[in-house]
Amino acid sequence: MKRIHVLGLTAALPALAAMLATAPLHAQSANASTTAQAGEEPETARRHRANEDTAEEAILVTGYRSSNVAAIEAKRDAVGIRDSIAQDQAGLLPDLTIAQVAQRIVGVALVPDFATSNDRSPDLAESVMIRGIGSSYNIVTIDGMPLATTSSSSRGARIELLPPSFVSRIDAAKTITANLDPHALSGQLDLITASAFDTGKTTVVARASVGDNSTAGQFAHKDQGQNFRGDLTYSSVFGANRDFGVVLSGSYARYNSSNYDYKPGAVDSSYLLYDDNGEEISDYNDLSTTNGWSAAARNQIFAYTDSVERASGVMKLEYDPGTATYASLYTGYFYQKEDEVRNEYLAQSRDSAGLVAQDATSGTWAMGRTALGYSHQPQKRETFVVSGLVEQELGGGFDASLKATHSRARLNTIRDRSKFQGDYNEEGAFAYDLSSANPQLTLLNPDYVNDPATYNESYIQHITQRAAQDLTFVGLDVGQNFAADDYGLGFNLGASFQNTDQSYDQDRFAGNLYDGNGDRITLVGYDRPDRLTTTDPRIDFLLINDEAVRAAWEAAGYTDVQDDSDTNISSDYELNEKVYAAYAQARYRTENFNVLAGLRFDATENDIDLWVRDANLVGGVQDADSYSEGHRRATYQYLLPSVIASYRFESDVVLRAGYSKTIGRPNFNYYAISESIGLPDEVEGDNIISVTRGNADLKPRTSNNFDLSLEWYPTRGSMLSVAAFYKDIKNLIFTQNISVDGFEYQGDLYTARITTPMNAESASLKGVEVSARQDFRDIAPGFLGNFVLNANATYIKGKQTVIQADETTRHVDGLEGQPEFLANASLSYEDSVFGASLAYSYVGDYLKSINEDSQLFDIHSRHRSELSAQIRLKVLEGVTVIAEGQNLTKTDIEYFRKMPDGQLLAERAQKGRTLWLGVNARF
């Protein structure tokens, strides 16, 4: 019997981009299962059986119940440990992105991409973490094949631009076999696309919803409009023998939001410690001399206004003439445009001027300054993919598959920025109150800081950033007696090649604007009439009219243009990565026993062209004259074994155990960036500068993974699973943050915050996952039989040893981005007319970033939970009205710092409640 991999071949037809959003086919075989892992039953073979089933069986798959059954069967039929969320949930739960859907899988968490130091809204970009390891070291595939990413700094795929309706099921594979890319350090997230053979007939599904976000329009940009999302999918089989299939799908979504982002503890100098003599302590690793009271030295507020548009177009062609052949061609286009405006307010002390009247929760700074900023930072992301697959039975128990994909991702960002600030003086002084663990500032002279004449122009900038990635993958696999229903001894051999070209380019054009007296202009005449609030009710958050500033600068002939030539090239690079792989697997299978062993050879070559600062060069006409062209090369090879065994007891209990060795390739920019220098004033003040450095000597992570799982399947709609895992990680990659005084840049001296990726000495991760599913129809009659319950929880414990800035070692409990506890639960009800679902997710505290100067400067993420709900009402045959809500409790995103006097706020960002009302129709 042939073995079929479902090939996800997604890519875009520009014509389809105008269509409405991708909705999955709402009838899919409840038996459908991916073949991402070797030895599983072919997907297409399962479809054949589904087409032979009765129409009544096919209709079973349209509701919450069918989604539950499909997820259970995908887990039960897997070779290794895998958990899934199936089609109906992926298409109809109130989730805007694939990432939001995936967080409902056991062991999977959704976290903001951005920490406190980033300057984009933290509620928009989110990444998926599997078993406590972030998206950079977990692979995302579409029908088992890799996808280019629009991220400029991470290997992790930016899957927030993919609509949930794009997939029929999401699988999280947690044991990695030899035929899979070993970069899945903690797992692989595989997006399974819909097939025309799922229903075997012509089907049209359309959906449209309008929505409202509780935060939208709360700032200066009041009229943001309604949220909207819609999708349309056409599916049909055709041909004399109905052996051809086509799926056409399109989507469009518009989402508006605002975000009031408080950042009182965003940087290391936010909270200062003093001794009993009123002097700041000199060593934050030695707290023996401190009086134990934290002094709040600043508060920063970012007010974001965002409008996001997403569109997609998908076409999938299939050929399935029988059990010996299957072929598919898949093409898709995914587009996202984010129009973001960020207004900034910053109050900060002059530390050297002194702190007076300090007690346990309050104090007063003798001098301070207020600054205002504006940034219009639109961003466009595009991904195009085309993929193909041919599966062929060769006879004599042999079968083969050939698959190939090419994807192209593009990211373009523009940042038009301006800044005005006052001088450090007694008029800008302020007192602080920490009694609520959130600094409340009281400015001593409100009239002064509320006067636009107080603020002088600091800079005007136009910045462009472009990132591009092209990815090509080809894989060949040949097996003998290796199909899922073959017994006895079987084997398969395979090889693959992946080529990735990545580039990054930045340009900056900056200058200043002067008045008739030759002085920097003030904010008078360049402020907007709108005012926002600060933590002091008497103090206005003044807003810059950047359009007026920029128009005046243009009229003046772009005065005082700066030499930004070094900035324009210091972070630029072109990188080529080639990955060669070959593997062999052997399997022995009986009725109840299955063991699969494999060995993979994986070789990676990176060649990077970049610009490097050369101390032997003397700057000439341009600052860039002190840079020369450089080249870096990083290569590594690994032999990676794996073995997975399972035993099925007669009582429908399955015991699984597995071992695998995986790797985590460094992010491209870790190798490629020479030295990227951020602007003074951008985060902390004009005496602080940010420096990001790459590390050509960085080694990939490696992990020895051990898994054990016990699963019970008492009925078709119920399951209980307990899984334990342990990871022994070497060369863990973390981001080192240190401070260096006396850093020279463009002839001036600064305190530099230097960020560099480093290898930790060692790390480990262990945890337990518990998952339960129950269709009450299997155990209760009548009304109670209409309920379906799904609940899971994950406990994770990690530890690592890192190297401090002074080259000493430090033992840290937890990995960066690793929550200790995760939980999800959903309760669904459905009858012939009415349906409802309530979903809950929880992510515990975790370590967001490590500081190598002192653990006091580490940033932690506070636990958060979200509650979502949906109600469905069938009004006509095939027509359903749907009301749904996301984040009903309006839970914010929070980070904190652990200071001697307790947890103090680092950042609090809004994440609003979104309500939707729409209609779904199926014909």
Foldseek 3Di string as FASTA:
>chain_A
DFAAAQDFFAFADVVQLPAAFQAADQFFQLLAEGPLDFQFFHRVVSLVVLVVDDLVNRVVRRDPLSQLLSQVNRQLRDQAGKGKGFANQLRPFPDFFPLVSVCQTFQKHKAFPDDLQDDDARQQFIWIDGNFHTQLQAAEEESNHGFDAADQWGPGHRRRLPGSSQAGMWMWAQADAQVHAQSRVGTYIYGYGHWLSRNAAWKKWKWKWKWDWPAFLPFPNNPPDIKMKMKMKIKHFDDPQSQKIKIKMKHKIKDWHKKKKKFQASFLPQWFFDFPVQHTDDAPFDCPRTPLAIAGFKIKIKIKIKMKMKMKIKMKMWGGPDDFKIKMKIKMKIKMKMWMKIKMKMKGAPVVQGWPPDDRFKTKGQKIKMKIKIKTKMKMKMKIKMKMKMKGADDPQKIKMKIKMKMKMKMKMKIWMWMKMADIHRQQIWMWGCPVLETQIDGPHQVLQQDQQRIFTDKTKIKMKMKMKMKIKIKMKMKGLSHNPRAFKIKMKMKMKMKMKMWMWMDMKMAFDADPVRGGDTQVVQWDPTWDADSHRSHTSIHGNSVVVVVRCVVVVVPGIDQCVCLGFQQTKIKMKMKIKIKMKMWHDDPFKIKIKMKMKIKMKMKMKGKAQAPVFDDDPGNSSRIDIDMAMDIDMDIKIKMKMWGQDPQQKIKIKMKIKGKNDRTPSLQHRAKNKAAAPPRDHNQEIEIEHHDRPQDIKMKIKIKIKMKHDNDSSKIKMKMKMKIKIAQDKAKEWDWDWQDDDPRDTHTYTYIHIGTFGIKMKIKMKIWIKDQCLVPDDDQSNQKIKIKMKMAMWMKTWGQAPVRDIDIDTGDASGFRMKMKMKMKGDDPFKIKMKIKIKTAKHFHHAYRSHNQSTKIWHIDMAIKMKMWGDPDVQKIKMKIKIRVVFIWTWMWGQGSSGTHTRMTMTDTMMIMIMMMGMD
